Amino acid sequence: MSLLTLWGGCGSRLRRRRNNQRGFFLLEALVLSFLVLGCGALTVAYRALAESRAVAGAEITAAYLAQEQNAWIEGQSASYLRAHGTISWRGQEKAALERNGTRFEISSSVSQHPETNALASIETRVRWQIGGRAREGTYRKLVAYHE
């Protein structure tokens, strides 16, 4: 056996290993790209879910604030309700407050019910901004006048 034969034999094995490694590298690149795409898709889904959760939380908070405002107005006397057509948050001067990192503006209008003098119609508007978009909720309630 000559040195040239040994050298040629080793060379063919090295070429075979290189050829096998080229295909394996392509497979690795494809798997890695699918992983990166998957992580990107998960990130987009997570951001959409977080935004949806924030919007739902703000809407629930707005509904509870409107209920609290309407309950406070319901407890006021008939003379107070007839004297004030527009009422800010619980009768305070400022109509805005902050809850859970969101700023809410609350105002209520009180009017006499068109069919009877014994009832007042309350319309409470709650405005807030979340995700760069302004949102508003309107809540209505009938209350009885009392002294």
N, C-alpha and C. Protein backbone atom coordinates (compact mmCIF):
# COMPACT_ATOMS: atom_id res chain seq x y z
N MET A 1 0.84 -1.15 0.00
CA MET A 1 0.00 0.00 0.00
C MET A 1 0.89 1.23 0.00
N SER A 2 0.60 2.12 -0.90
CA SER A 2 1.47 3.29 -1.02
C SER A 2 0.88 4.46 -0.22
N LEU A 3 1.70 5.43 -0.01
CA LEU A 3 1.30 6.64 0.71
C LEU A 3 0.23 7.39 -0.06
N LEU A 4 0.31 7.36 -1.38
CA LEU A 4 -0.66 8.05 -2.22
C LEU A 4 -2.06 7.42 -2.09
N THR A 5 -2.10 6.13 -1.98
CA THR A 5 -3.38 5.43 -1.83
C THR A 5 -4.00 5.78 -0.48
N LEU A 6 -3.20 5.81 0.57
CA LEU A 6 -3.72 6.20 1.88
C LEU A 6 -4.22 7.64 1.88
N TRP A 7 -3.46 8.46 1.27
CA TRP A 7 -3.85 9.88 1.23
C TRP A 7 -5.15 10.06 0.44
N GLY A 8 -5.29 9.40 -0.68
CA GLY A 8 -6.51 9.48 -1.48
C GLY A 8 -7.71 8.94 -0.74
N GLY A 9 -7.54 7.90 0.02
CA GLY A 9 -8.64 7.33 0.79
C GLY A 9 -9.15 8.28 1.85
N CYS A 10 -8.25 8.95 2.51
CA CYS A 10 -8.64 9.91 3.55
C CYS A 10 -9.34 11.10 2.93
N GLY A 11 -8.87 11.50 1.77
CA GLY A 11 -9.46 12.66 1.10
C GLY A 11 -10.89 12.41 0.70
N SER A 12 -11.20 11.21 0.23
CA SER A 12 -12.57 10.93 -0.19
C SER A 12 -13.51 10.90 1.02
N ARG A 13 -13.01 10.43 2.16
CA ARG A 13 -13.84 10.45 3.37
C ARG A 13 -14.11 11.87 3.84
N LEU A 14 -13.10 12.73 3.73
CA LEU A 14 -13.29 14.13 4.12
C LEU A 14 -14.31 14.81 3.21
N ARG A 15 -14.27 14.52 1.92
CA ARG A 15 -15.23 15.11 0.99
C ARG A 15 -16.65 14.66 1.33
N ARG A 16 -16.79 13.40 1.68
CA ARG A 16 -18.12 12.89 2.03
C ARG A 16 -18.65 13.59 3.29
N ARG A 17 -17.81 13.81 4.26
CA ARG A 17 -18.24 14.51 5.48
C ARG A 17 -18.66 15.94 5.17
N ARG A 18 -17.92 16.62 4.33
CA ARG A 18 -18.27 18.00 3.96
C ARG A 18 -19.62 18.04 3.24
N ASN A 19 -19.85 17.09 2.32
CA ASN A 19 -21.12 17.06 1.61
C ASN A 19 -22.29 16.82 2.56
N ASN A 20 -22.12 15.94 3.52
CA ASN A 20 -23.17 15.68 4.51
C ASN A 20 -23.42 16.90 5.38
N GLN A 21 -22.40 17.63 5.73
CA GLN A 21 -22.53 18.80 6.58
C GLN A 21 -23.24 19.94 5.86
N ARG A 22 -23.11 20.06 4.57
CA ARG A 22 -23.80 21.12 3.84
C ARG A 22 -25.31 20.96 3.98
N GLY A 23 -25.84 19.81 3.79
CA GLY A 23 -27.27 19.56 3.93
C GLY A 23 -27.74 19.77 5.35
N PHE A 24 -26.95 19.37 6.29
CA PHE A 24 -27.30 19.53 7.69
C PHE A 24 -27.36 21.01 8.05
N PHE A 25 -26.49 21.84 7.52
CA PHE A 25 -26.50 23.26 7.80
C PHE A 25 -27.77 23.91 7.26
N LEU A 26 -28.24 23.50 6.10
CA LEU A 26 -29.48 24.01 5.53
C LEU A 26 -30.65 23.65 6.42
N LEU A 27 -30.67 22.43 6.93
CA LEU A 27 -31.73 22.01 7.83
C LEU A 27 -31.69 22.84 9.12
N GLU A 28 -30.52 23.09 9.65
CA GLU A 28 -30.40 23.93 10.85
C GLU A 28 -30.92 25.34 10.59
N ALA A 29 -30.59 25.91 9.44
CA ALA A 29 -31.05 27.25 9.10
C ALA A 29 -32.58 27.30 9.00
N LEU A 30 -33.19 26.28 8.41
CA LEU A 30 -34.64 26.24 8.31
C LEU A 30 -35.30 26.13 9.69
N VAL A 31 -34.78 25.28 10.53
CA VAL A 31 -35.33 25.12 11.88
C VAL A 31 -35.19 26.42 12.66
N LEU A 32 -34.03 27.06 12.56
CA LEU A 32 -33.81 28.31 13.26
C LEU A 32 -34.75 29.40 12.75
N SER A 33 -34.98 29.47 11.45
CA SER A 33 -35.88 30.49 10.92
C SER A 33 -37.31 30.23 11.38
N PHE A 34 -37.74 28.96 11.45
CA PHE A 34 -39.07 28.66 11.96
C PHE A 34 -39.20 29.03 13.44
N LEU A 35 -38.15 28.82 14.21
CA LEU A 35 -38.17 29.23 15.61
C LEU A 35 -38.29 30.74 15.76
N VAL A 36 -37.55 31.48 14.97
CA VAL A 36 -37.61 32.94 15.01
C VAL A 36 -39.00 33.43 14.61
N LEU A 37 -39.56 32.84 13.54
CA LEU A 37 -40.92 33.21 13.12
C LEU A 37 -41.94 32.88 14.21
N GLY A 38 -41.77 31.74 14.84
CA GLY A 38 -42.68 31.36 15.93
C GLY A 38 -42.61 32.32 17.09
N CYS A 39 -41.40 32.73 17.46
CA CYS A 39 -41.25 33.70 18.56
C CYS A 39 -41.87 35.04 18.18
N GLY A 40 -41.72 35.44 16.94
CA GLY A 40 -42.33 36.69 16.47
C GLY A 40 -43.85 36.62 16.53
N ALA A 41 -44.41 35.49 16.11
CA ALA A 41 -45.87 35.32 16.16
C ALA A 41 -46.37 35.33 17.59
N LEU A 42 -45.65 34.70 18.50
CA LEU A 42 -46.03 34.72 19.91
C LEU A 42 -45.98 36.13 20.49
N THR A 43 -44.99 36.90 20.09
CA THR A 43 -44.88 38.28 20.57
C THR A 43 -46.06 39.12 20.10
N VAL A 44 -46.43 38.98 18.84
CA VAL A 44 -47.57 39.72 18.30
C VAL A 44 -48.85 39.31 19.03
N ALA A 45 -49.04 38.02 19.25
CA ALA A 45 -50.23 37.54 19.96
C ALA A 45 -50.26 38.05 21.40
N TYR A 46 -49.12 38.06 22.05
CA TYR A 46 -49.04 38.55 23.43
C TYR A 46 -49.40 40.03 23.51
N ARG A 47 -48.88 40.82 22.58
CA ARG A 47 -49.19 42.26 22.58
C ARG A 47 -50.67 42.51 22.34
N ALA A 48 -51.27 41.76 21.42
CA ALA A 48 -52.70 41.91 21.14
C ALA A 48 -53.53 41.52 22.36
N LEU A 49 -53.13 40.45 23.04
CA LEU A 49 -53.84 40.02 24.24
C LEU A 49 -53.70 41.05 25.36
N ALA A 50 -52.52 41.60 25.53
CA ALA A 50 -52.31 42.62 26.57
C ALA A 50 -53.15 43.87 26.29
N GLU A 51 -53.23 44.28 25.03
CA GLU A 51 -54.04 45.45 24.68
C GLU A 51 -55.52 45.16 24.91
N SER A 52 -55.96 43.98 24.53
CA SER A 52 -57.36 43.59 24.74
C SER A 52 -57.70 43.56 26.23
N ARG A 53 -56.79 43.07 27.03
CA ARG A 53 -57.00 43.02 28.48
C ARG A 53 -57.08 44.43 29.07
N ALA A 54 -56.23 45.34 28.60
CA ALA A 54 -56.26 46.71 29.10
C ALA A 54 -57.56 47.41 28.72
N VAL A 55 -58.03 47.20 27.51
CA VAL A 55 -59.28 47.81 27.05
C VAL A 55 -60.45 47.28 27.88
N ALA A 56 -60.52 45.97 28.08
CA ALA A 56 -61.60 45.38 28.86
C ALA A 56 -61.57 45.87 30.31
N GLY A 57 -60.38 45.97 30.88
CA GLY A 57 -60.25 46.48 32.25
C GLY A 57 -60.72 47.91 32.38
N ALA A 58 -60.41 48.75 31.40
CA ALA A 58 -60.85 50.14 31.43
C ALA A 58 -62.36 50.24 31.27
N GLU A 59 -62.94 49.40 30.42
CA GLU A 59 -64.40 49.42 30.24
C GLU A 59 -65.11 48.99 31.53
N ILE A 60 -64.59 48.01 32.20
CA ILE A 60 -65.20 47.57 33.46
C ILE A 60 -65.06 48.65 34.52
N THR A 61 -63.90 49.28 34.59
CA THR A 61 -63.69 50.37 35.55
C THR A 61 -64.65 51.51 35.26
N ALA A 62 -64.84 51.86 33.99
CA ALA A 62 -65.77 52.93 33.62
C ALA A 62 -67.19 52.60 34.06
N ALA A 63 -67.60 51.36 33.89
CA ALA A 63 -68.95 50.96 34.30
C ALA A 63 -69.13 51.07 35.81
N TYR A 64 -68.13 50.65 36.59
CA TYR A 64 -68.21 50.77 38.04
C TYR A 64 -68.20 52.23 38.49
N LEU A 65 -67.41 53.06 37.85
CA LEU A 65 -67.40 54.48 38.20
C LEU A 65 -68.75 55.13 37.90
N ALA A 66 -69.37 54.76 36.78
CA ALA A 66 -70.69 55.28 36.45
C ALA A 66 -71.73 54.82 37.47
N GLN A 67 -71.65 53.57 37.89
CA GLN A 67 -72.57 53.07 38.91
C GLN A 67 -72.39 53.83 40.22
N GLU A 68 -71.15 54.09 40.59
CA GLU A 68 -70.89 54.84 41.82
C GLU A 68 -71.43 56.26 41.72
N GLN A 69 -71.22 56.90 40.55
CA GLN A 69 -71.73 58.25 40.34
C GLN A 69 -73.26 58.26 40.41
N ASN A 70 -73.90 57.31 39.75
CA ASN A 70 -75.37 57.25 39.77
C ASN A 70 -75.91 56.98 41.17
N ALA A 71 -75.24 56.13 41.93
CA ALA A 71 -75.66 55.86 43.32
C ALA A 71 -75.51 57.11 44.17
N TRP A 72 -74.44 57.87 43.96
CA TRP A 72 -74.24 59.11 44.72
C TRP A 72 -75.33 60.12 44.38
N ILE A 73 -75.65 60.24 43.10
CA ILE A 73 -76.70 61.18 42.68
C ILE A 73 -78.05 60.74 43.24
N GLU A 74 -78.31 59.45 43.24
CA GLU A 74 -79.57 58.93 43.76
C GLU A 74 -79.76 59.28 45.23
N GLY A 75 -78.70 59.42 45.97
CA GLY A 75 -78.78 59.77 47.38
C GLY A 75 -78.97 61.24 47.65
N GLN A 76 -78.90 62.07 46.64
CA GLN A 76 -79.05 63.52 46.82
C GLN A 76 -80.53 63.90 46.91
N SER A 77 -80.78 65.02 47.54
CA SER A 77 -82.17 65.47 47.71
C SER A 77 -82.73 66.02 46.40
N ALA A 78 -84.06 66.14 46.37
CA ALA A 78 -84.74 66.65 45.18
C ALA A 78 -84.33 68.08 44.88
N SER A 79 -84.15 68.90 45.92
CA SER A 79 -83.75 70.29 45.70
C SER A 79 -82.35 70.37 45.07
N TYR A 80 -81.45 69.49 45.48
CA TYR A 80 -80.10 69.47 44.89
C TYR A 80 -80.17 69.06 43.42
N LEU A 81 -80.95 68.02 43.14
CA LEU A 81 -81.05 67.53 41.76
C LEU A 81 -81.71 68.56 40.84
N ARG A 82 -82.71 69.28 41.34
CA ARG A 82 -83.38 70.29 40.52
C ARG A 82 -82.48 71.51 40.30
N ALA A 83 -81.59 71.78 41.25
CA ALA A 83 -80.71 72.95 41.15
C ALA A 83 -79.50 72.69 40.24
N HIS A 84 -79.12 71.44 40.06
CA HIS A 84 -77.94 71.11 39.27
C HIS A 84 -78.34 70.28 38.05
N GLY A 85 -78.20 70.87 36.88
CA GLY A 85 -78.48 70.13 35.65
C GLY A 85 -77.33 69.23 35.26
N THR A 86 -76.11 69.69 35.55
CA THR A 86 -74.90 68.91 35.26
C THR A 86 -74.12 68.73 36.55
N ILE A 87 -73.73 67.49 36.80
CA ILE A 87 -72.99 67.18 38.02
C ILE A 87 -71.70 66.48 37.64
N SER A 88 -70.57 67.00 38.14
CA SER A 88 -69.29 66.34 37.89
C SER A 88 -69.12 65.20 38.89
N TRP A 89 -67.96 64.57 38.90
CA TRP A 89 -67.70 63.40 39.73
C TRP A 89 -68.04 63.67 41.19
N ARG A 90 -69.10 63.06 41.67
CA ARG A 90 -69.56 63.14 43.06
C ARG A 90 -69.68 64.57 43.56
N GLY A 91 -70.05 65.48 42.67
CA GLY A 91 -70.28 66.87 43.05
C GLY A 91 -69.02 67.68 43.27
N GLN A 92 -67.85 67.12 42.99
CA GLN A 92 -66.60 67.86 43.17
C GLN A 92 -66.37 68.78 41.97
N GLU A 93 -65.43 69.70 42.13
CA GLU A 93 -65.14 70.64 41.05
C GLU A 93 -64.45 69.95 39.88
N LYS A 94 -63.54 69.07 40.16
CA LYS A 94 -62.84 68.39 39.06
C LYS A 94 -63.64 67.16 38.63
N ALA A 95 -63.73 66.99 37.32
CA ALA A 95 -64.53 65.88 36.79
C ALA A 95 -63.65 64.70 36.38
N ALA A 96 -62.35 64.80 36.54
CA ALA A 96 -61.45 63.74 36.10
C ALA A 96 -60.82 63.05 37.30
N LEU A 97 -60.61 61.75 37.17
CA LEU A 97 -59.88 61.00 38.18
C LEU A 97 -59.13 59.87 37.49
N GLU A 98 -58.16 59.33 38.21
CA GLU A 98 -57.32 58.28 37.63
C GLU A 98 -57.50 57.00 38.41
N ARG A 99 -57.75 55.93 37.67
CA ARG A 99 -57.89 54.60 38.26
C ARG A 99 -57.12 53.61 37.39
N ASN A 100 -56.32 52.76 38.01
CA ASN A 100 -55.57 51.70 37.31
C ASN A 100 -54.73 52.24 36.17
N GLY A 101 -54.16 53.42 36.34
CA GLY A 101 -53.29 53.99 35.32
C GLY A 101 -54.02 54.63 34.15
N THR A 102 -55.33 54.74 34.20
CA THR A 102 -56.11 55.36 33.13
C THR A 102 -56.87 56.56 33.70
N ARG A 103 -56.90 57.63 32.94
CA ARG A 103 -57.59 58.85 33.37
C ARG A 103 -59.02 58.82 32.84
N PHE A 104 -59.99 58.99 33.74
CA PHE A 104 -61.40 58.97 33.39
C PHE A 104 -62.00 60.35 33.64
N GLU A 105 -62.83 60.82 32.71
CA GLU A 105 -63.59 62.06 32.88
C GLU A 105 -65.05 61.68 33.00
N ILE A 106 -65.68 62.12 34.08
CA ILE A 106 -67.04 61.71 34.38
C ILE A 106 -67.92 62.95 34.52
N SER A 107 -69.05 62.95 33.84
CA SER A 107 -70.03 64.01 34.00
C SER A 107 -71.42 63.41 33.88
N SER A 108 -72.34 63.97 34.64
CA SER A 108 -73.71 63.48 34.63
C SER A 108 -74.65 64.64 34.37
N SER A 109 -75.71 64.35 33.65
CA SER A 109 -76.77 65.35 33.46
C SER A 109 -78.04 64.79 34.07
N VAL A 110 -78.74 65.66 34.79
CA VAL A 110 -79.97 65.28 35.46
C VAL A 110 -81.10 66.08 34.82
N SER A 111 -82.14 65.38 34.41
CA SER A 111 -83.32 66.05 33.85
C SER A 111 -84.58 65.39 34.39
N GLN A 112 -85.62 66.16 34.39
CA GLN A 112 -86.89 65.63 34.86
C GLN A 112 -87.42 64.64 33.83
N HIS A 113 -87.97 63.54 34.30
CA HIS A 113 -88.53 62.53 33.40
C HIS A 113 -89.73 63.13 32.67
N PRO A 114 -89.85 62.91 31.37
CA PRO A 114 -90.92 63.57 30.61
C PRO A 114 -92.34 63.13 30.98
N GLU A 115 -92.51 61.94 31.56
CA GLU A 115 -93.86 61.44 31.84
C GLU A 115 -94.35 61.73 33.25
N THR A 116 -93.45 61.95 34.19
CA THR A 116 -93.85 62.19 35.57
C THR A 116 -92.88 63.14 36.26
N ASN A 117 -93.40 63.89 37.22
CA ASN A 117 -92.57 64.82 37.98
C ASN A 117 -91.87 64.14 39.15
N ALA A 118 -92.20 62.89 39.43
CA ALA A 118 -91.63 62.19 40.58
C ALA A 118 -90.30 61.53 40.26
N LEU A 119 -89.92 61.47 38.99
CA LEU A 119 -88.68 60.79 38.60
C LEU A 119 -87.72 61.75 37.91
N ALA A 120 -86.44 61.47 38.12
CA ALA A 120 -85.38 62.20 37.41
C ALA A 120 -84.64 61.19 36.54
N SER A 121 -84.23 61.64 35.38
CA SER A 121 -83.46 60.82 34.47
C SER A 121 -82.00 61.24 34.56
N ILE A 122 -81.13 60.28 34.86
CA ILE A 122 -79.70 60.56 34.98
C ILE A 122 -78.99 59.94 33.78
N GLU A 123 -78.13 60.72 33.15
CA GLU A 123 -77.28 60.20 32.08
C GLU A 123 -75.83 60.51 32.45
N THR A 124 -75.07 59.48 32.71
CA THR A 124 -73.67 59.63 33.11
C THR A 124 -72.78 59.24 31.94
N ARG A 125 -71.88 60.14 31.58
CA ARG A 125 -70.91 59.88 30.51
C ARG A 125 -69.53 59.73 31.12
N VAL A 126 -68.87 58.65 30.73
CA VAL A 126 -67.50 58.39 31.19
C VAL A 126 -66.63 58.34 29.94
N ARG A 127 -65.58 59.18 29.92
CA ARG A 127 -64.65 59.22 28.79
C ARG A 127 -63.26 58.84 29.30
N TRP A 128 -62.54 58.09 28.46
CA TRP A 128 -61.18 57.72 28.79
C TRP A 128 -60.42 57.48 27.50
N GLN A 129 -59.12 57.41 27.62
CA GLN A 129 -58.27 57.16 26.46
C GLN A 129 -57.34 56.01 26.77
N ILE A 130 -57.32 55.03 25.86
CA ILE A 130 -56.44 53.88 26.05
C ILE A 130 -56.00 53.39 24.69
N GLY A 131 -54.74 53.06 24.57
CA GLY A 131 -54.21 52.59 23.30
C GLY A 131 -54.22 53.65 22.22
N GLY A 132 -54.17 54.93 22.63
CA GLY A 132 -54.16 56.01 21.65
C GLY A 132 -55.53 56.34 21.09
N ARG A 133 -56.57 55.66 21.58
CA ARG A 133 -57.92 55.93 21.08
C ARG A 133 -58.82 56.38 22.23
N ALA A 134 -59.63 57.40 21.94
CA ALA A 134 -60.58 57.89 22.93
C ALA A 134 -61.80 56.99 22.94
N ARG A 135 -62.29 56.71 24.12
CA ARG A 135 -63.47 55.85 24.26
C ARG A 135 -64.46 56.54 25.19
N GLU A 136 -65.71 56.15 25.07
CA GLU A 136 -66.76 56.77 25.88
C GLU A 136 -67.84 55.75 26.16
N GLY A 137 -68.38 55.84 27.36
CA GLY A 137 -69.51 55.01 27.74
C GLY A 137 -70.61 55.88 28.31
N THR A 138 -71.85 55.60 27.99
CA THR A 138 -73.00 56.34 28.50
C THR A 138 -73.87 55.40 29.29
N TYR A 139 -74.23 55.80 30.50
CA TYR A 139 -75.02 54.98 31.40
C TYR A 139 -76.20 55.80 31.88
N ARG A 140 -77.41 55.22 31.79
CA ARG A 140 -78.64 55.93 32.15
C ARG A 140 -79.34 55.22 33.30
N LYS A 141 -80.05 56.05 34.11
CA LYS A 141 -80.77 55.50 35.23
C LYS A 141 -81.91 56.45 35.60
N LEU A 142 -83.02 55.90 36.07
CA LEU A 142 -84.12 56.70 36.60
C LEU A 142 -84.05 56.66 38.12
N VAL A 143 -84.22 57.82 38.75
CA VAL A 143 -84.22 57.88 40.21
C VAL A 143 -85.45 58.66 40.66
N ALA A 144 -85.91 58.36 41.86
CA ALA A 144 -87.06 59.05 42.42
C ALA A 144 -86.58 60.26 43.22
N TYR A 145 -87.29 61.36 43.07
CA TYR A 145 -86.98 62.55 43.88
C TYR A 145 -87.37 62.27 45.31
N HIS A 146 -86.58 62.76 46.25
CA HIS A 146 -86.91 62.67 47.67
C HIS A 146 -86.27 63.85 48.39
N GLU A 147 -86.78 64.14 49.52
CA GLU A 147 -86.24 65.26 50.33
C GLU A 147 -85.45 64.79 51.49
